[in-house]
Amino acid sequence: KGLWVYGTAAEGDTTLYKADLKSAAAIVIGNEGRGIGKLVREKCDFVVSVPMKGKINSLNASNAAAIVLAEIRRRRECR
């Protein structure tokens, strides 16, 4: 269908800010406890992480989704 599927995980293959997010995309957000499941992760084309600083090592799902979607919109408006 022409979509790239991006999963989000703390241990992603690349950071959100280095990922190419300019194409049509579907975003998979896992739950706060276990993240995305193994089988779902295997179906994703890419797995990205949101860089964290300090003592925080994870975000709740709605915050992670907001950051990812805001970054996608920012990139698309900068074309």
N, C-alpha and C. Protein backbone atom coordinates (compact mmCIF):
# COMPACT_ATOMS: atom_id res chain seq x y z
N LYS A 1 0.81 -1.21 0.00
CA LYS A 1 0.00 0.00 0.00
C LYS A 1 0.85 1.26 0.00
N GLY A 2 2.16 1.14 -0.06
CA GLY A 2 3.01 2.31 -0.11
C GLY A 2 3.32 2.95 1.22
N LEU A 3 3.07 2.25 2.32
CA LEU A 3 3.37 2.77 3.66
C LEU A 3 4.61 2.10 4.23
N TRP A 4 5.41 2.87 4.93
CA TRP A 4 6.47 2.30 5.74
C TRP A 4 5.92 2.19 7.16
N VAL A 5 6.19 1.08 7.82
CA VAL A 5 5.69 0.86 9.18
C VAL A 5 6.84 1.10 10.16
N TYR A 6 6.62 2.08 11.04
CA TYR A 6 7.61 2.43 12.06
C TYR A 6 7.10 2.00 13.43
N GLY A 7 7.85 1.14 14.07
CA GLY A 7 7.57 0.78 15.45
C GLY A 7 8.39 1.67 16.36
N THR A 8 7.96 1.84 17.59
CA THR A 8 8.72 2.63 18.56
C THR A 8 9.13 1.75 19.72
N ALA A 9 10.38 1.87 20.12
CA ALA A 9 10.89 1.08 21.25
C ALA A 9 12.11 1.78 21.81
N ALA A 10 12.32 1.64 23.11
CA ALA A 10 13.48 2.25 23.75
C ALA A 10 14.78 1.78 23.11
N GLU A 11 14.79 0.54 22.66
CA GLU A 11 15.99 -0.02 22.05
C GLU A 11 15.85 -0.09 20.52
N GLY A 12 15.36 1.00 19.94
CA GLY A 12 15.16 1.06 18.49
C GLY A 12 16.46 1.00 17.72
N ASP A 13 16.35 0.67 16.44
CA ASP A 13 17.53 0.55 15.58
C ASP A 13 18.16 1.92 15.29
N THR A 14 17.37 2.96 15.30
CA THR A 14 17.84 4.32 15.06
C THR A 14 16.98 5.27 15.90
N THR A 15 17.46 6.47 16.08
CA THR A 15 16.67 7.44 16.84
C THR A 15 15.63 8.08 15.92
N LEU A 16 14.60 8.58 16.50
CA LEU A 16 13.54 9.25 15.77
C LEU A 16 14.09 10.38 14.91
N TYR A 17 15.07 11.10 15.43
CA TYR A 17 15.58 12.28 14.75
C TYR A 17 16.51 11.95 13.58
N LYS A 18 16.96 10.71 13.47
CA LYS A 18 17.79 10.29 12.35
C LYS A 18 17.00 9.49 11.32
N ALA A 19 15.79 9.09 11.65
CA ALA A 19 14.96 8.27 10.75
C ALA A 19 14.40 9.14 9.62
N ASP A 20 14.23 8.52 8.46
CA ASP A 20 13.63 9.20 7.30
C ASP A 20 12.12 9.06 7.43
N LEU A 21 11.46 10.12 7.81
CA LEU A 21 10.02 10.07 8.08
C LEU A 21 9.19 10.83 7.06
N LYS A 22 9.75 11.08 5.89
CA LYS A 22 9.07 11.93 4.91
C LYS A 22 8.06 11.18 4.05
N SER A 23 8.13 9.87 4.01
CA SER A 23 7.20 9.08 3.20
C SER A 23 5.95 8.74 4.00
N ALA A 24 4.95 8.20 3.31
CA ALA A 24 3.73 7.76 3.99
C ALA A 24 4.10 6.72 5.05
N ALA A 25 3.51 6.85 6.23
CA ALA A 25 3.92 6.00 7.34
C ALA A 25 2.75 5.57 8.20
N ALA A 26 2.91 4.40 8.78
CA ALA A 26 2.04 3.91 9.85
C ALA A 26 2.94 3.80 11.08
N ILE A 27 2.43 4.27 12.21
CA ILE A 27 3.22 4.29 13.44
C ILE A 27 2.63 3.30 14.43
N VAL A 28 3.50 2.46 14.99
CA VAL A 28 3.09 1.48 16.00
C VAL A 28 3.65 1.93 17.34
N ILE A 29 2.77 2.16 18.29
CA ILE A 29 3.15 2.57 19.64
C ILE A 29 2.81 1.43 20.59
N GLY A 30 3.79 0.97 21.35
CA GLY A 30 3.55 -0.10 22.30
C GLY A 30 2.99 0.43 23.61
N ASN A 31 2.69 -0.48 24.52
CA ASN A 31 2.20 -0.04 25.83
C ASN A 31 3.37 0.32 26.74
N GLU A 32 3.06 1.00 27.84
CA GLU A 32 4.12 1.49 28.72
C GLU A 32 4.92 0.37 29.38
N GLY A 33 4.29 -0.75 29.62
CA GLY A 33 4.97 -1.84 30.33
C GLY A 33 5.87 -2.69 29.46
N ARG A 34 5.32 -3.23 28.39
CA ARG A 34 6.07 -4.19 27.57
C ARG A 34 6.46 -3.66 26.20
N GLY A 35 6.00 -2.48 25.82
CA GLY A 35 6.32 -1.95 24.49
C GLY A 35 5.56 -2.70 23.42
N ILE A 36 6.13 -2.77 22.22
CA ILE A 36 5.48 -3.53 21.15
C ILE A 36 5.89 -4.99 21.26
N GLY A 37 5.00 -5.86 20.91
CA GLY A 37 5.28 -7.29 20.98
C GLY A 37 6.29 -7.74 19.94
N LYS A 38 6.90 -8.88 20.19
CA LYS A 38 7.94 -9.42 19.30
C LYS A 38 7.42 -9.63 17.88
N LEU A 39 6.26 -10.22 17.73
CA LEU A 39 5.73 -10.49 16.39
C LEU A 39 5.37 -9.19 15.66
N VAL A 40 4.83 -8.23 16.37
CA VAL A 40 4.51 -6.93 15.77
C VAL A 40 5.80 -6.24 15.35
N ARG A 41 6.79 -6.27 16.23
CA ARG A 41 8.09 -5.65 15.93
C ARG A 41 8.71 -6.23 14.66
N GLU A 42 8.61 -7.53 14.49
CA GLU A 42 9.17 -8.19 13.30
C GLU A 42 8.49 -7.73 12.01
N LYS A 43 7.24 -7.30 12.10
CA LYS A 43 6.50 -6.83 10.92
C LYS A 43 6.80 -5.37 10.58
N CYS A 44 7.41 -4.64 11.50
CA CYS A 44 7.74 -3.24 11.25
C CYS A 44 8.91 -3.14 10.28
N ASP A 45 8.87 -2.13 9.42
CA ASP A 45 10.00 -1.89 8.53
C ASP A 45 11.16 -1.27 9.29
N PHE A 46 10.86 -0.43 10.26
CA PHE A 46 11.87 0.24 11.06
C PHE A 46 11.41 0.30 12.51
N VAL A 47 12.36 0.31 13.42
CA VAL A 47 12.05 0.52 14.83
C VAL A 47 12.89 1.70 15.30
N VAL A 48 12.21 2.74 15.76
CA VAL A 48 12.89 3.96 16.18
C VAL A 48 12.71 4.19 17.67
N SER A 49 13.64 4.94 18.24
CA SER A 49 13.54 5.29 19.65
C SER A 49 13.50 6.80 19.79
N VAL A 50 12.88 7.26 20.86
CA VAL A 50 12.88 8.67 21.21
C VAL A 50 14.04 8.87 22.18
N PRO A 51 15.04 9.68 21.81
CA PRO A 51 16.18 9.87 22.71
C PRO A 51 15.75 10.44 24.06
N MET A 52 16.31 9.91 25.11
CA MET A 52 15.97 10.33 26.47
C MET A 52 17.23 10.84 27.16
N LYS A 53 17.04 11.79 28.08
CA LYS A 53 18.16 12.31 28.86
C LYS A 53 17.83 12.18 30.34
N GLY A 54 18.85 12.15 31.14
CA GLY A 54 18.65 12.11 32.58
C GLY A 54 18.18 10.75 33.07
N LYS A 55 17.39 10.76 34.12
CA LYS A 55 16.96 9.54 34.78
C LYS A 55 15.73 8.90 34.15
N ILE A 56 15.10 9.61 33.22
CA ILE A 56 13.90 9.07 32.56
C ILE A 56 14.33 8.05 31.52
N ASN A 57 13.73 6.85 31.57
CA ASN A 57 14.10 5.84 30.59
C ASN A 57 12.93 5.38 29.73
N SER A 58 11.74 5.94 29.96
CA SER A 58 10.61 5.60 29.10
C SER A 58 9.54 6.67 29.21
N LEU A 59 8.65 6.67 28.23
CA LEU A 59 7.52 7.60 28.20
C LEU A 59 6.24 6.79 28.19
N ASN A 60 5.13 7.41 28.61
CA ASN A 60 3.89 6.68 28.43
C ASN A 60 3.51 6.74 26.95
N ALA A 61 2.61 5.88 26.55
CA ALA A 61 2.30 5.71 25.13
C ALA A 61 1.80 6.99 24.48
N SER A 62 0.95 7.74 25.17
CA SER A 62 0.42 8.96 24.55
C SER A 62 1.50 10.02 24.36
N ASN A 63 2.43 10.12 25.31
CA ASN A 63 3.53 11.07 25.14
C ASN A 63 4.46 10.67 24.01
N ALA A 64 4.77 9.39 23.93
CA ALA A 64 5.62 8.90 22.84
C ALA A 64 4.95 9.16 21.49
N ALA A 65 3.67 8.88 21.39
CA ALA A 65 2.94 9.11 20.14
C ALA A 65 2.95 10.58 19.77
N ALA A 66 2.74 11.46 20.74
CA ALA A 66 2.74 12.89 20.47
C ALA A 66 4.09 13.36 19.94
N ILE A 67 5.16 12.89 20.52
CA ILE A 67 6.50 13.28 20.07
C ILE A 67 6.75 12.80 18.65
N VAL A 68 6.43 11.54 18.38
CA VAL A 68 6.66 10.97 17.04
C VAL A 68 5.83 11.71 16.00
N LEU A 69 4.55 11.91 16.27
CA LEU A 69 3.68 12.59 15.30
C LEU A 69 4.09 14.05 15.10
N ALA A 70 4.51 14.72 16.15
CA ALA A 70 4.97 16.11 16.01
C ALA A 70 6.23 16.18 15.15
N GLU A 71 7.12 15.23 15.31
CA GLU A 71 8.34 15.21 14.50
C GLU A 71 8.03 14.93 13.04
N ILE A 72 7.10 14.03 12.77
CA ILE A 72 6.70 13.76 11.38
C ILE A 72 6.11 15.02 10.76
N ARG A 73 5.24 15.67 11.47
CA ARG A 73 4.63 16.91 10.94
C ARG A 73 5.67 17.99 10.71
N ARG A 74 6.59 18.16 11.65
CA ARG A 74 7.64 19.16 11.51
C ARG A 74 8.45 18.91 10.25
N ARG A 75 8.83 17.66 10.02
CA ARG A 75 9.63 17.34 8.84
C ARG A 75 8.87 17.59 7.55
N ARG A 76 7.61 17.27 7.54
CA ARG A 76 6.82 17.43 6.31
C ARG A 76 6.55 18.90 6.02
N GLU A 77 6.47 19.72 7.03
CA GLU A 77 6.27 21.16 6.81
C GLU A 77 7.54 21.84 6.36
N CYS A 78 8.70 21.21 6.61
CA CYS A 78 9.98 21.81 6.24
C CYS A 78 10.40 21.44 4.82
N ARG A 79 9.58 20.74 4.08
CA ARG A 79 9.94 20.33 2.71
C ARG A 79 10.12 21.51 1.81
